[in-house]
Amino acid sequence: MEHYFNANEIDDEDQKRDIFLSVCGKNIYKFIRDLLAPAKTGTKSLADLTKLVKDHRDPVPSEIVQRFKFNSRTRHSDESVRTFIAALRSLTEHCNYGDTLNAMLRDRLVVGIKTDRIQRRLLAEPNLTFNKALEIATAIETAKKNAQDFQASGTNATIQKQVNKVSKSYTRNNSGNSKQGDCYRCGGNHLAADCRFKEAKCHSCKKKGHIAKKCRNKSFNGNSSENSRLKPRAHFMEQDASSEI
């Protein structure tokens, strides 16, 4: 409304009140009239009417309750120092600390900081003011964050170095194992898991998973076959010997 009054160069207080009552709407007008009864709206200024409505809708919070909330506030684990201070300032709105505001903020910062290192440093500072306390607390917080960032960077570099080392080792081993005969299923130049004969049936041992040329029972089977070929010859030799007798 003030912008409207200024734009139209309206300075008369009674005129301001009447304009407000004419545009505030039926419900607001009735609400104001009920609050004023038995007094009449025309007997109050615009400032009186707006204060009346504000006090009814938004009563001033209890000073004791607000101070209790302020003195109970501590810094959350994930909260920065400056965010904590902003929250404290918001809580002082209805505390009515007056000239002692900075002293109260300083004390609440020291007590509610919840970080031993910062708290010890603040308690050791002679003639500590609020501004000095805020400066020290934010400096320690920033230094801690920077140190953590440096450590994280060093850790990441170490991890990357180990990854590169393992990668190089794997490359060398993989290159060395890529020679002919790497696959035990067929003797091909590939991994056994990728072999197209992994479901094939061996003609030598009749088992699945390899072909005859890579059969591990091949030598045994070969010796058995050779023995079976030698048995008839031995039988003939025995017959010849008996006939000579």
Protein backbone atom coordinates (compact mmCIF):
# COMPACT_ATOMS: atom_id res chain seq x y z
CA MET A 1 0.00 0.00 0.00
CA GLU A 2 2.84 2.41 0.73
CA HIS A 3 3.97 2.23 -2.91
CA TYR A 4 0.44 3.11 -4.03
CA PHE A 5 0.25 6.04 -1.63
CA ASN A 6 3.64 7.35 -2.71
CA ALA A 7 2.85 6.97 -6.40
CA ASN A 8 -0.37 8.92 -5.97
CA GLU A 9 1.12 11.43 -3.54
CA ILE A 10 -1.35 10.58 -0.79
CA ASP A 11 -0.16 11.92 2.57
CA ASP A 12 -3.36 12.30 4.57
CA GLU A 13 -3.61 9.50 7.18
CA ASP A 14 -7.40 9.40 7.16
CA GLN A 15 -7.38 9.07 3.38
CA LYS A 16 -4.85 6.24 3.59
CA ARG A 17 -7.07 4.41 6.09
CA ASP A 18 -10.19 4.83 4.00
CA ILE A 19 -8.47 3.61 0.83
CA PHE A 20 -7.19 0.54 2.67
CA LEU A 21 -10.61 -0.32 4.09
CA SER A 22 -12.21 0.08 0.67
CA VAL A 23 -9.85 -2.35 -1.06
CA CYS A 24 -9.08 -4.90 1.68
CA GLY A 25 -12.12 -7.02 0.88
CA LYS A 26 -15.30 -7.97 2.70
CA ASN A 27 -13.79 -10.65 4.92
CA ILE A 28 -10.83 -8.56 6.06
CA TYR A 29 -13.06 -5.56 6.73
CA LYS A 30 -15.41 -7.66 8.89
CA PHE A 31 -12.43 -9.18 10.69
CA ILE A 32 -11.04 -5.70 11.54
CA ARG A 33 -14.43 -4.42 12.61
CA ASP A 34 -14.94 -7.39 14.94
CA LEU A 35 -11.52 -6.89 16.50
CA LEU A 36 -12.21 -3.19 17.10
CA ALA A 37 -15.75 -3.53 18.46
CA PRO A 38 -17.20 -1.59 20.05
CA ALA A 39 -14.80 1.03 18.62
CA LYS A 40 -15.32 2.16 15.05
CA THR A 41 -12.85 1.76 12.19
CA GLY A 42 -12.98 5.47 11.49
CA THR A 43 -11.40 6.22 14.87
CA LYS A 44 -8.15 4.38 14.10
CA SER A 45 -5.25 5.17 11.80
CA LEU A 46 -3.98 2.82 9.11
CA ALA A 47 -0.97 2.02 11.29
CA ASP A 48 -3.29 1.08 14.17
CA LEU A 49 -5.36 -1.19 11.94
CA THR A 50 -2.40 -3.03 10.39
CA LYS A 51 -0.81 -3.54 13.83
CA LEU A 52 -4.10 -4.87 15.17
CA VAL A 53 -4.33 -7.45 12.38
CA LYS A 54 -0.66 -8.43 12.61
CA ASP A 55 -0.74 -8.90 16.38
CA HIS A 56 -3.80 -11.10 16.06
CA ARG A 57 -2.55 -13.19 13.16
CA ASP A 58 1.12 -13.34 14.18
CA PRO A 59 1.42 -12.75 17.91
CA VAL A 60 4.89 -11.88 19.19
CA PRO A 61 6.59 -15.11 20.33
CA SER A 62 7.48 -15.52 23.96
CA GLU A 63 10.90 -14.04 24.69
CA ILE A 64 11.68 -16.82 27.18
CA VAL A 65 10.75 -19.52 24.67
CA GLN A 66 12.84 -17.91 21.93
CA ARG A 67 15.84 -17.55 24.22
CA PHE A 68 15.47 -21.19 25.24
CA LYS A 69 15.53 -22.23 21.57
CA PHE A 70 18.57 -20.04 20.97
CA ASN A 71 20.52 -21.42 23.93
CA SER A 72 19.59 -25.00 23.03
CA ARG A 73 20.82 -24.74 19.44
CA THR A 74 23.99 -26.67 18.64
CA ARG A 75 25.81 -27.18 15.39
CA HIS A 76 24.74 -30.20 13.34
CA SER A 77 27.38 -32.67 12.16
CA ASP A 78 26.89 -31.74 8.49
CA GLU A 79 26.54 -28.00 9.12
CA SER A 80 29.21 -25.43 8.27
CA VAL A 81 30.21 -22.78 10.80
CA ARG A 82 28.63 -19.95 8.80
CA THR A 83 25.38 -21.88 8.34
CA PHE A 84 25.31 -22.46 12.09
CA ILE A 85 25.80 -18.75 12.76
CA ALA A 86 23.03 -17.86 10.29
CA ALA A 87 20.67 -20.18 12.16
CA LEU A 88 21.64 -18.57 15.48
CA ARG A 89 21.01 -15.08 14.12
CA SER A 90 17.57 -16.15 12.94
CA LEU A 91 16.72 -17.44 16.41
CA THR A 92 17.62 -14.11 18.04
CA GLU A 93 14.87 -12.20 16.23
CA HIS A 94 12.53 -12.19 19.24
CA CYS A 95 15.09 -12.67 22.00
CA ASN A 96 15.49 -8.93 22.60
CA TYR A 97 19.19 -9.20 23.41
CA GLY A 98 19.83 -5.63 22.33
CA ASP A 99 23.43 -4.51 22.88
CA THR A 100 24.40 -7.96 24.21
CA LEU A 101 23.57 -9.71 20.92
CA ASN A 102 27.18 -10.22 19.77
CA ALA A 103 28.22 -11.50 23.18
CA MET A 104 25.36 -14.01 23.15
CA LEU A 105 26.29 -15.14 19.62
CA ARG A 106 29.92 -15.54 20.68
CA ASP A 107 28.99 -17.66 23.70
CA ARG A 108 26.60 -19.82 21.71
CA LEU A 109 29.24 -20.34 19.02
CA VAL A 110 31.81 -21.51 21.58
CA VAL A 111 29.39 -23.78 23.43
CA GLY A 112 27.49 -25.16 20.46
CA ILE A 113 30.27 -25.62 17.88
CA LYS A 114 30.53 -29.37 18.69
CA THR A 115 34.10 -29.63 17.37
CA ASP A 116 36.76 -30.14 20.04
CA ARG A 117 39.61 -28.59 18.08
CA ILE A 118 37.70 -25.38 17.34
CA GLN A 119 36.27 -25.19 20.84
CA ARG A 120 39.69 -25.54 22.52
CA ARG A 121 41.13 -22.87 20.25
CA LEU A 122 38.31 -20.45 21.04
CA LEU A 123 38.55 -21.04 24.78
CA ALA A 124 42.29 -20.33 24.64
CA GLU A 125 41.80 -16.96 22.97
CA PRO A 126 41.98 -13.98 25.40
CA ASN A 127 39.44 -11.18 25.02
CA LEU A 128 37.50 -13.20 22.47
CA THR A 129 34.92 -11.23 20.48
CA PHE A 130 32.20 -12.65 18.27
CA ASN A 131 33.91 -11.54 15.06
CA LYS A 132 37.21 -13.04 16.20
CA ALA A 133 35.51 -16.30 17.19
CA LEU A 134 33.84 -16.52 13.80
CA GLU A 135 37.13 -15.84 12.03
CA ILE A 136 39.00 -18.54 13.99
CA ALA A 137 36.25 -21.14 13.62
CA THR A 138 35.90 -20.68 9.86
CA ALA A 139 39.70 -20.71 9.38
CA ILE A 140 40.07 -24.04 11.21
CA GLU A 141 37.11 -25.50 9.33
CA THR A 142 38.57 -24.43 5.97
CA ALA A 143 42.02 -25.80 6.85
CA LYS A 144 40.51 -29.17 7.78
CA LYS A 145 38.56 -29.36 4.52
CA ASN A 146 41.65 -28.47 2.47
CA ALA A 147 43.70 -31.15 4.24
CA GLN A 148 41.00 -33.74 3.53
CA ASP A 149 40.96 -32.72 -0.14
CA PHE A 150 44.75 -33.09 -0.35
CA GLN A 151 44.62 -36.52 1.30
CA ALA A 152 41.85 -37.62 -1.03
CA SER A 153 43.89 -36.48 -4.04
CA GLY A 154 46.90 -38.45 -2.81
CA THR A 155 44.79 -41.54 -2.19
CA ASN A 156 43.26 -41.32 -5.66
CA ALA A 157 46.72 -41.02 -7.20
CA THR A 158 47.91 -44.10 -5.30
CA ILE A 159 44.85 -46.08 -6.37
CA GLN A 160 45.32 -45.05 -9.99
CA LYS A 161 48.97 -46.10 -9.81
CA GLN A 162 47.98 -49.54 -8.53
CA VAL A 163 45.33 -49.86 -11.24
CA ASN A 164 47.90 -49.01 -13.91
CA LYS A 165 50.32 -51.53 -12.45
CA VAL A 166 47.74 -54.31 -12.44
CA SER A 167 46.64 -53.36 -15.95
CA LYS A 168 50.20 -53.57 -17.28
CA SER A 169 50.76 -56.89 -15.53
CA TYR A 170 47.55 -58.28 -17.01
CA THR A 171 48.55 -57.08 -20.47
CA ARG A 172 51.94 -58.81 -20.23
CA ASN A 173 50.43 -62.03 -18.93
CA ASN A 174 47.71 -61.98 -21.52
CA SER A 175 50.26 -61.43 -24.28
CA GLY A 176 52.39 -64.32 -23.02
CA ASN A 177 49.43 -66.66 -22.85
CA SER A 178 48.18 -65.84 -26.32
CA LYS A 179 50.54 -68.30 -28.07
CA GLN A 180 49.31 -71.31 -30.07
CA GLY A 181 48.09 -74.13 -27.87
CA ASP A 182 46.63 -71.93 -25.18
CA CYS A 183 43.23 -73.64 -25.40
CA TYR A 184 43.24 -77.11 -23.83
CA ARG A 185 40.07 -78.03 -25.70
CA CYS A 186 41.37 -77.69 -29.26
CA GLY A 187 44.85 -76.15 -29.10
CA GLY A 188 43.67 -72.91 -30.69
CA ASN A 189 44.90 -69.40 -29.90
CA HIS A 190 42.04 -68.37 -27.58
CA LEU A 191 40.71 -68.92 -24.09
CA ALA A 192 39.13 -72.26 -23.32
CA ALA A 193 35.94 -70.51 -22.24
CA ASP A 194 35.58 -69.05 -25.74
CA CYS A 195 36.33 -72.31 -27.58
CA ARG A 196 33.71 -73.48 -30.04
CA PHE A 197 34.53 -77.09 -29.11
CA LYS A 198 33.63 -76.77 -25.43
CA GLU A 199 30.44 -78.77 -26.09
CA ALA A 200 32.09 -81.13 -28.61
CA LYS A 201 32.45 -84.87 -27.94
CA CYS A 202 35.91 -86.41 -28.11
CA HIS A 203 36.15 -89.32 -30.59
CA SER A 204 38.90 -90.84 -28.48
CA CYS A 205 37.53 -90.91 -24.93
CA LYS A 206 33.90 -90.10 -25.82
CA LYS A 207 33.81 -87.26 -23.26
CA LYS A 208 32.54 -83.73 -23.91
CA GLY A 209 34.63 -80.60 -23.72
CA HIS A 210 37.53 -81.22 -26.12
CA ILE A 211 38.50 -82.83 -29.39
CA ALA A 212 40.57 -85.95 -29.99
CA LYS A 213 43.90 -84.21 -30.72
CA LYS A 214 43.85 -82.62 -27.23
CA CYS A 215 42.53 -85.69 -25.43
CA ARG A 216 44.43 -86.36 -22.22
CA ASN A 217 43.58 -90.06 -22.38
CA LYS A 218 45.00 -90.36 -25.87
CA SER A 219 48.34 -91.84 -24.80
CA PHE A 220 46.66 -94.34 -22.52
CA ASN A 221 44.23 -95.38 -25.20
CA GLY A 222 47.07 -95.58 -27.69
CA ASN A 223 49.04 -97.99 -25.49
CA SER A 224 45.93 -100.09 -25.00
CA SER A 225 45.43 -100.34 -28.75
CA GLU A 226 49.08 -101.30 -29.25
CA ASN A 227 48.80 -104.04 -26.63
CA SER A 228 45.70 -105.39 -28.31
CA ARG A 229 47.61 -105.55 -31.61
CA LEU A 230 50.52 -107.42 -30.00
CA LYS A 231 48.37 -110.10 -28.32
CA PRO A 232 47.52 -112.06 -31.54
CA ARG A 233 51.24 -112.14 -32.51
CA ALA A 234 52.12 -113.50 -29.10
CA HIS A 235 49.44 -116.16 -29.54
CA PHE A 236 50.88 -117.23 -32.89
CA MET A 237 54.37 -117.48 -31.41
CA GLU A 238 53.08 -119.75 -28.66
CA GLN A 239 51.46 -122.01 -31.28
CA ASP A 240 54.71 -122.25 -33.28
CA ALA A 241 56.64 -123.18 -30.19
CA SER A 242 54.22 -125.95 -29.27
CA SER A 243 54.29 -127.41 -32.78
CA GLU A 244 58.07 -127.72 -32.69
CA ILE A 245 57.86 -129.74 -29.48
